[in-house]
Amino acid sequence: MYHQRLPYLIHAIAHNSDEQAFEELFRIYYPALISYTSSMLKDSHVAEELCGDVLFNLWQNRKTLPTIKNVSHYLYISAKHAVISYTRSRGYKELQKILLSAM
């Protein structure tokens, strides 16, 4: 269902800065991104913060949305990179543990 609305949402966000469209996109992806990052981090609070940051960055760079071929893929890769950056700041052993658990 939401896959049919995705092109509309992307257009509305990128060209009209439509906050309601962004909220809908947020509701679609946020829970799944949290589940994905929580599985790597084992810390739901940090996962929520990182996913919020990923989606906030998407809003900040909304004018580039039409150039993204697969928004879902883009968000999951961005979330993975956020986890890696977070764990790097925590130390190499933590990063190694998370990368091994993601395989």
C-alpha atoms as a PDB file:
ATOM      1  CA  MET A   1       0.000   0.000   0.000  1.00  0.00           C
ATOM      2  CA  TYR A   2       2.582   2.586   1.043  1.00  0.00           C
ATOM      3  CA  HIS A   3       4.781   1.679  -1.941  1.00  0.00           C
ATOM      4  CA  GLN A   4       2.143   3.252  -4.177  1.00  0.00           C
ATOM      5  CA  ARG A   5       2.294   6.498  -2.177  1.00  0.00           C
ATOM      6  CA  LEU A   6       6.071   6.663  -2.001  1.00  0.00           C
ATOM      7  CA  PRO A   7       6.577   8.590  -5.276  1.00  0.00           C
ATOM      8  CA  TYR A   8       3.962  11.116  -4.159  1.00  0.00           C
ATOM      9  CA  LEU A   9       5.549  11.481  -0.715  1.00  0.00           C
ATOM     10  CA  ILE A  10       9.028  11.944  -2.169  1.00  0.00           C
ATOM     11  CA  HIS A  11       7.773  14.582  -4.582  1.00  0.00           C
ATOM     12  CA  ALA A  12       5.810  16.412  -1.889  1.00  0.00           C
ATOM     13  CA  ILE A  13       8.755  16.416   0.507  1.00  0.00           C
ATOM     14  CA  ALA A  14      11.405  17.385  -2.049  1.00  0.00           C
ATOM     15  CA  HIS A  15       9.491  20.007  -4.010  1.00  0.00           C
ATOM     16  CA  ASN A  16       7.002  21.385  -1.496  1.00  0.00           C
ATOM     17  CA  SER A  17       8.766  20.770   1.835  1.00  0.00           C
ATOM     18  CA  ASP A  18       5.529  19.073   2.852  1.00  0.00           C
ATOM     19  CA  GLU A  19       5.820  18.260   6.554  1.00  0.00           C
ATOM     20  CA  GLN A  20       2.749  16.028   6.563  1.00  0.00           C
ATOM     21  CA  ALA A  21       4.227  13.923   3.762  1.00  0.00           C
ATOM     22  CA  PHE A  22       7.454  13.668   5.737  1.00  0.00           C
ATOM     23  CA  GLU A  23       5.530  12.608   8.846  1.00  0.00           C
ATOM     24  CA  GLU A  24       3.891   9.855   6.806  1.00  0.00           C
ATOM     25  CA  LEU A  25       7.269   8.717   5.467  1.00  0.00           C
ATOM     26  CA  PHE A  26       8.603   8.843   9.034  1.00  0.00           C
ATOM     27  CA  ARG A  27       5.735   6.639  10.303  1.00  0.00           C
ATOM     28  CA  ILE A  28       6.387   4.159   7.497  1.00  0.00           C
ATOM     29  CA  TYR A  29      10.121   3.718   8.061  1.00  0.00           C
ATOM     30  CA  TYR A  30      10.914   4.664  11.658  1.00  0.00           C
ATOM     31  CA  PRO A  31       9.659   1.472  13.384  1.00  0.00           C
ATOM     32  CA  ALA A  32      11.484  -0.826  10.954  1.00  0.00           C
ATOM     33  CA  LEU A  33      14.693   1.219  11.161  1.00  0.00           C
ATOM     34  CA  ILE A  34      14.565   1.023  14.951  1.00  0.00           C
ATOM     35  CA  SER A  35      14.144  -2.732  14.793  1.00  0.00           C
ATOM     36  CA  TYR A  36      17.073  -2.989  12.377  1.00  0.00           C
ATOM     37  CA  THR A  37      19.445  -0.799  14.403  1.00  0.00           C
ATOM     38  CA  SER A  38      18.344  -2.282  17.735  1.00  0.00           C
ATOM     39  CA  SER A  39      19.270  -5.732  16.472  1.00  0.00           C
ATOM     40  CA  MET A  40      22.825  -4.495  15.937  1.00  0.00           C
ATOM     41  CA  LEU A  41      23.155  -2.256  18.988  1.00  0.00           C
ATOM     42  CA  LYS A  42      21.136  -4.151  21.602  1.00  0.00           C
ATOM     43  CA  ASP A  43      20.180  -0.704  22.935  1.00  0.00           C
ATOM     44  CA  SER A  44      16.776   0.600  21.886  1.00  0.00           C
ATOM     45  CA  HIS A  45      17.352   4.112  23.241  1.00  0.00           C
ATOM     46  CA  VAL A  46      20.479   4.631  21.150  1.00  0.00           C
ATOM     47  CA  ALA A  47      18.729   3.013  18.170  1.00  0.00           C
ATOM     48  CA  GLU A  48      15.854   5.487  18.468  1.00  0.00           C
ATOM     49  CA  GLU A  49      18.246   8.415  18.597  1.00  0.00           C
ATOM     50  CA  LEU A  50      20.251   7.226  15.598  1.00  0.00           C
ATOM     51  CA  CYS A  51      17.141   6.537  13.522  1.00  0.00           C
ATOM     52  CA  GLY A  52      15.746   9.938  14.394  1.00  0.00           C
ATOM     53  CA  ASP A  53      19.020  11.459  13.227  1.00  0.00           C
ATOM     54  CA  VAL A  54      18.919   9.504   9.957  1.00  0.00           C
ATOM     55  CA  LEU A  55      15.405  10.701   9.197  1.00  0.00           C
ATOM     56  CA  PHE A  56      16.210  14.253  10.300  1.00  0.00           C
ATOM     57  CA  ASN A  57      19.154  14.254   7.881  1.00  0.00           C
ATOM     58  CA  LEU A  58      16.804  13.080   5.143  1.00  0.00           C
ATOM     59  CA  TRP A  59      14.570  16.070   5.891  1.00  0.00           C
ATOM     60  CA  GLN A  60      17.562  18.423   5.945  1.00  0.00           C
ATOM     61  CA  ASN A  61      18.613  17.152   2.505  1.00  0.00           C
ATOM     62  CA  ARG A  62      15.096  16.744   1.115  1.00  0.00           C
ATOM     63  CA  LYS A  63      15.912  18.555  -2.143  1.00  0.00           C
ATOM     64  CA  THR A  64      18.126  15.604  -3.114  1.00  0.00           C
ATOM     65  CA  LEU A  65      15.359  13.020  -2.568  1.00  0.00           C
ATOM     66  CA  PRO A  66      14.460  12.729  -6.274  1.00  0.00           C
ATOM     67  CA  THR A  67      18.029  11.584  -7.016  1.00  0.00           C
ATOM     68  CA  ILE A  68      17.701   8.606  -4.639  1.00  0.00           C
ATOM     69  CA  LYS A  69      16.623   5.556  -6.638  1.00  0.00           C
ATOM     70  CA  ASN A  70      15.537   3.454  -3.663  1.00  0.00           C
ATOM     71  CA  VAL A  71      14.604   5.412  -0.529  1.00  0.00           C
ATOM     72  CA  SER A  72      14.215   2.278   1.572  1.00  0.00           C
ATOM     73  CA  HIS A  73      17.682   1.057   0.663  1.00  0.00           C
ATOM     74  CA  TYR A  74      19.101   4.523   1.253  1.00  0.00           C
ATOM     75  CA  LEU A  75      17.565   4.713   4.740  1.00  0.00           C
ATOM     76  CA  TYR A  76      18.776   1.266   5.789  1.00  0.00           C
ATOM     77  CA  ILE A  77      22.305   1.965   4.554  1.00  0.00           C
ATOM     78  CA  SER A  78      22.253   5.339   6.332  1.00  0.00           C
ATOM     79  CA  ALA A  79      21.091   3.649   9.529  1.00  0.00           C
ATOM     80  CA  LYS A  80      23.866   1.049   9.239  1.00  0.00           C
ATOM     81  CA  HIS A  81      26.433   3.815   8.769  1.00  0.00           C
ATOM     82  CA  ALA A  82      25.018   5.647  11.788  1.00  0.00           C
ATOM     83  CA  VAL A  83      25.481   2.485  13.873  1.00  0.00           C
ATOM     84  CA  ILE A  84      29.047   2.093  12.614  1.00  0.00           C
ATOM     85  CA  SER A  85      29.862   5.746  13.393  1.00  0.00           C
ATOM     86  CA  TYR A  86      28.327   5.416  16.839  1.00  0.00           C
ATOM     87  CA  THR A  87      30.241   2.257  17.645  1.00  0.00           C
ATOM     88  CA  ARG A  88      33.496   3.710  16.309  1.00  0.00           C
ATOM     89  CA  SER A  89      33.093   6.487  18.821  1.00  0.00           C
ATOM     90  CA  ARG A  90      32.675   3.806  21.490  1.00  0.00           C
ATOM     91  CA  GLY A  91      35.748   1.808  20.503  1.00  0.00           C
ATOM     92  CA  TYR A  92      37.035  -0.790  18.078  1.00  0.00           C
ATOM     93  CA  LYS A  93      35.954  -3.880  20.059  1.00  0.00           C
ATOM     94  CA  GLU A  94      32.350  -2.667  20.131  1.00  0.00           C
ATOM     95  CA  LEU A  95      32.421  -2.052  16.379  1.00  0.00           C
ATOM     96  CA  GLN A  96      33.874  -5.491  15.704  1.00  0.00           C
ATOM     97  CA  LYS A  97      31.188  -7.132  17.851  1.00  0.00           C
ATOM     98  CA  ILE A  98      28.392  -5.334  16.021  1.00  0.00           C
ATOM     99  CA  LEU A  99      29.754  -5.998  12.553  1.00  0.00           C
ATOM    100  CA  LEU A 100      30.118  -9.698  13.334  1.00  0.00           C
ATOM    101  CA  SER A 101      26.560  -9.908  14.673  1.00  0.00           C
ATOM    102  CA  ALA A 102      25.191  -8.219  11.521  1.00  0.00           C
ATOM    103  CA  MET A 103      26.608 -10.924   9.224  1.00  0.00           C
END
